[in-house]
Amino acid sequence: MIEFWQMPFMIAFAITGAVVYFYLRNQHREKLALIKKGESIVPQDSLQQMKFSNLAKGIISISLALGIFSAHILETYTSLEPIVSYI
């Protein structure tokens, strides 16, 4: 049985789901209309921005991994406390 305090959460979930559904359906229809017209879905300048964005994310990920790896090495092979080596 559904209790009274659960109703607002269920209503909020249903409304959010409906908004997301209609938003995605509208985007899909707009893209289909652009394809039928023969236009490009992705502008050329955004392709260039995506390349640099992915490069930046890759550099940050590699730097983070190297930092964690070096902290692990410091913790394992020195007498530093674990919290000090990761700071």
C-alpha atoms as a PDB file:
ATOM      1  CA  MET A   1       0.000   0.000   0.000  1.00  0.00           C
ATOM      2  CA  ILE A   2       1.220   3.473  -0.822  1.00  0.00           C
ATOM      3  CA  GLU A   3       1.621   5.684   2.186  1.00  0.00           C
ATOM      4  CA  PHE A   4       0.828   9.374   2.209  1.00  0.00           C
ATOM      5  CA  TRP A   5       4.430  10.551   2.533  1.00  0.00           C
ATOM      6  CA  GLN A   6       5.420   8.593  -0.614  1.00  0.00           C
ATOM      7  CA  MET A   7       2.998  10.414  -2.915  1.00  0.00           C
ATOM      8  CA  PRO A   8       5.035  13.638  -3.441  1.00  0.00           C
ATOM      9  CA  PHE A   9       8.099  11.598  -4.371  1.00  0.00           C
ATOM     10  CA  MET A  10       6.138   9.511  -6.840  1.00  0.00           C
ATOM     11  CA  ILE A  11       4.578  12.594  -8.406  1.00  0.00           C
ATOM     12  CA  ALA A  12       7.951  14.346  -8.667  1.00  0.00           C
ATOM     13  CA  PHE A  13       9.494  11.239 -10.249  1.00  0.00           C
ATOM     14  CA  ALA A  14       6.649  10.954 -12.765  1.00  0.00           C
ATOM     15  CA  ILE A  15       6.837  14.633 -13.731  1.00  0.00           C
ATOM     16  CA  THR A  16      10.618  14.492 -14.127  1.00  0.00           C
ATOM     17  CA  GLY A  17      10.343  11.364 -16.257  1.00  0.00           C
ATOM     18  CA  ALA A  18       7.700  12.954 -18.474  1.00  0.00           C
ATOM     19  CA  VAL A  19       9.766  16.122 -18.989  1.00  0.00           C
ATOM     20  CA  VAL A  20      12.864  14.125 -19.893  1.00  0.00           C
ATOM     21  CA  TYR A  21      10.862  11.926 -22.273  1.00  0.00           C
ATOM     22  CA  PHE A  22       9.321  14.860 -24.133  1.00  0.00           C
ATOM     23  CA  TYR A  23      12.639  16.714 -24.276  1.00  0.00           C
ATOM     24  CA  LEU A  24      14.461  13.733 -25.783  1.00  0.00           C
ATOM     25  CA  ARG A  25      11.607  13.021 -28.193  1.00  0.00           C
ATOM     26  CA  ASN A  26      11.652  16.642 -29.359  1.00  0.00           C
ATOM     27  CA  GLN A  27      15.431  16.560 -29.879  1.00  0.00           C
ATOM     28  CA  HIS A  28      15.109  13.360 -31.897  1.00  0.00           C
ATOM     29  CA  ARG A  29      12.418  14.865 -34.108  1.00  0.00           C
ATOM     30  CA  GLU A  30      14.507  18.009 -34.688  1.00  0.00           C
ATOM     31  CA  LYS A  31      17.490  15.898 -35.721  1.00  0.00           C
ATOM     32  CA  LEU A  32      15.328  13.846 -38.072  1.00  0.00           C
ATOM     33  CA  ALA A  33      14.010  17.041 -39.648  1.00  0.00           C
ATOM     34  CA  LEU A  34      17.573  18.302 -40.174  1.00  0.00           C
ATOM     35  CA  ILE A  35      18.575  14.994 -41.754  1.00  0.00           C
ATOM     36  CA  LYS A  36      15.569  15.108 -44.100  1.00  0.00           C
ATOM     37  CA  LYS A  37      16.578  18.638 -45.157  1.00  0.00           C
ATOM     38  CA  GLY A  38      20.105  17.387 -45.839  1.00  0.00           C
ATOM     39  CA  GLU A  39      21.763  19.609 -43.255  1.00  0.00           C
ATOM     40  CA  SER A  40      24.533  18.555 -40.915  1.00  0.00           C
ATOM     41  CA  ILE A  41      23.475  17.644 -37.394  1.00  0.00           C
ATOM     42  CA  VAL A  42      26.777  18.742 -35.812  1.00  0.00           C
ATOM     43  CA  PRO A  43      28.232  22.152 -36.761  1.00  0.00           C
ATOM     44  CA  GLN A  44      31.874  22.141 -37.917  1.00  0.00           C
ATOM     45  CA  ASP A  45      33.158  24.464 -35.178  1.00  0.00           C
ATOM     46  CA  SER A  46      31.778  22.206 -32.451  1.00  0.00           C
ATOM     47  CA  LEU A  47      33.779  19.287 -33.876  1.00  0.00           C
ATOM     48  CA  GLN A  48      36.974  21.278 -33.342  1.00  0.00           C
ATOM     49  CA  GLN A  49      35.924  22.163 -29.785  1.00  0.00           C
ATOM     50  CA  MET A  50      35.197  18.505 -29.001  1.00  0.00           C
ATOM     51  CA  LYS A  51      38.732  17.513 -30.044  1.00  0.00           C
ATOM     52  CA  PHE A  52      40.318  19.953 -27.602  1.00  0.00           C
ATOM     53  CA  SER A  53      37.836  19.053 -24.873  1.00  0.00           C
ATOM     54  CA  ASN A  54      38.669  15.358 -25.160  1.00  0.00           C
ATOM     55  CA  LEU A  55      42.389  16.127 -25.164  1.00  0.00           C
ATOM     56  CA  ALA A  56      42.062  18.170 -21.980  1.00  0.00           C
ATOM     57  CA  LYS A  57      40.050  15.427 -20.270  1.00  0.00           C
ATOM     58  CA  GLY A  58      42.684  12.869 -21.251  1.00  0.00           C
ATOM     59  CA  ILE A  59      45.545  14.968 -19.897  1.00  0.00           C
ATOM     60  CA  ILE A  60      43.719  15.524 -16.615  1.00  0.00           C
ATOM     61  CA  SER A  61      42.947  11.800 -16.295  1.00  0.00           C
ATOM     62  CA  ILE A  62      46.560  10.801 -16.935  1.00  0.00           C
ATOM     63  CA  SER A  63      47.830  13.395 -14.444  1.00  0.00           C
ATOM     64  CA  LEU A  64      45.422  12.146 -11.795  1.00  0.00           C
ATOM     65  CA  ALA A  65      46.448   8.527 -12.390  1.00  0.00           C
ATOM     66  CA  LEU A  66      50.153   9.385 -12.178  1.00  0.00           C
ATOM     67  CA  GLY A  67      49.566  11.304  -8.942  1.00  0.00           C
ATOM     68  CA  ILE A  68      47.732   8.382  -7.349  1.00  0.00           C
ATOM     69  CA  PHE A  69      50.401   5.959  -8.552  1.00  0.00           C
ATOM     70  CA  SER A  70      53.254   8.058  -7.167  1.00  0.00           C
ATOM     71  CA  ALA A  71      51.414   8.409  -3.841  1.00  0.00           C
ATOM     72  CA  HIS A  72      51.031   4.640  -3.693  1.00  0.00           C
ATOM     73  CA  ILE A  73      54.763   4.195  -4.357  1.00  0.00           C
ATOM     74  CA  LEU A  74      55.592   6.729  -1.621  1.00  0.00           C
ATOM     75  CA  GLU A  75      53.295   4.960   0.837  1.00  0.00           C
ATOM     76  CA  THR A  76      54.657   1.522   0.037  1.00  0.00           C
ATOM     77  CA  TYR A  77      58.406   2.164  -0.057  1.00  0.00           C
ATOM     78  CA  THR A  78      58.858   4.960   2.507  1.00  0.00           C
ATOM     79  CA  SER A  79      57.980   5.420   6.142  1.00  0.00           C
ATOM     80  CA  LEU A  80      55.452   8.170   5.393  1.00  0.00           C
ATOM     81  CA  GLU A  81      51.973   7.915   6.821  1.00  0.00           C
ATOM     82  CA  PRO A  82      49.333   6.993   4.203  1.00  0.00           C
ATOM     83  CA  ILE A  83      47.489  10.296   4.578  1.00  0.00           C
ATOM     84  CA  VAL A  84      50.688  12.297   4.058  1.00  0.00           C
ATOM     85  CA  SER A  85      51.664  10.488   0.883  1.00  0.00           C
ATOM     86  CA  TYR A  86      48.297  11.145  -0.783  1.00  0.00           C
ATOM     87  CA  ILE A  87      48.155  14.868   0.087  1.00  0.00           C
END
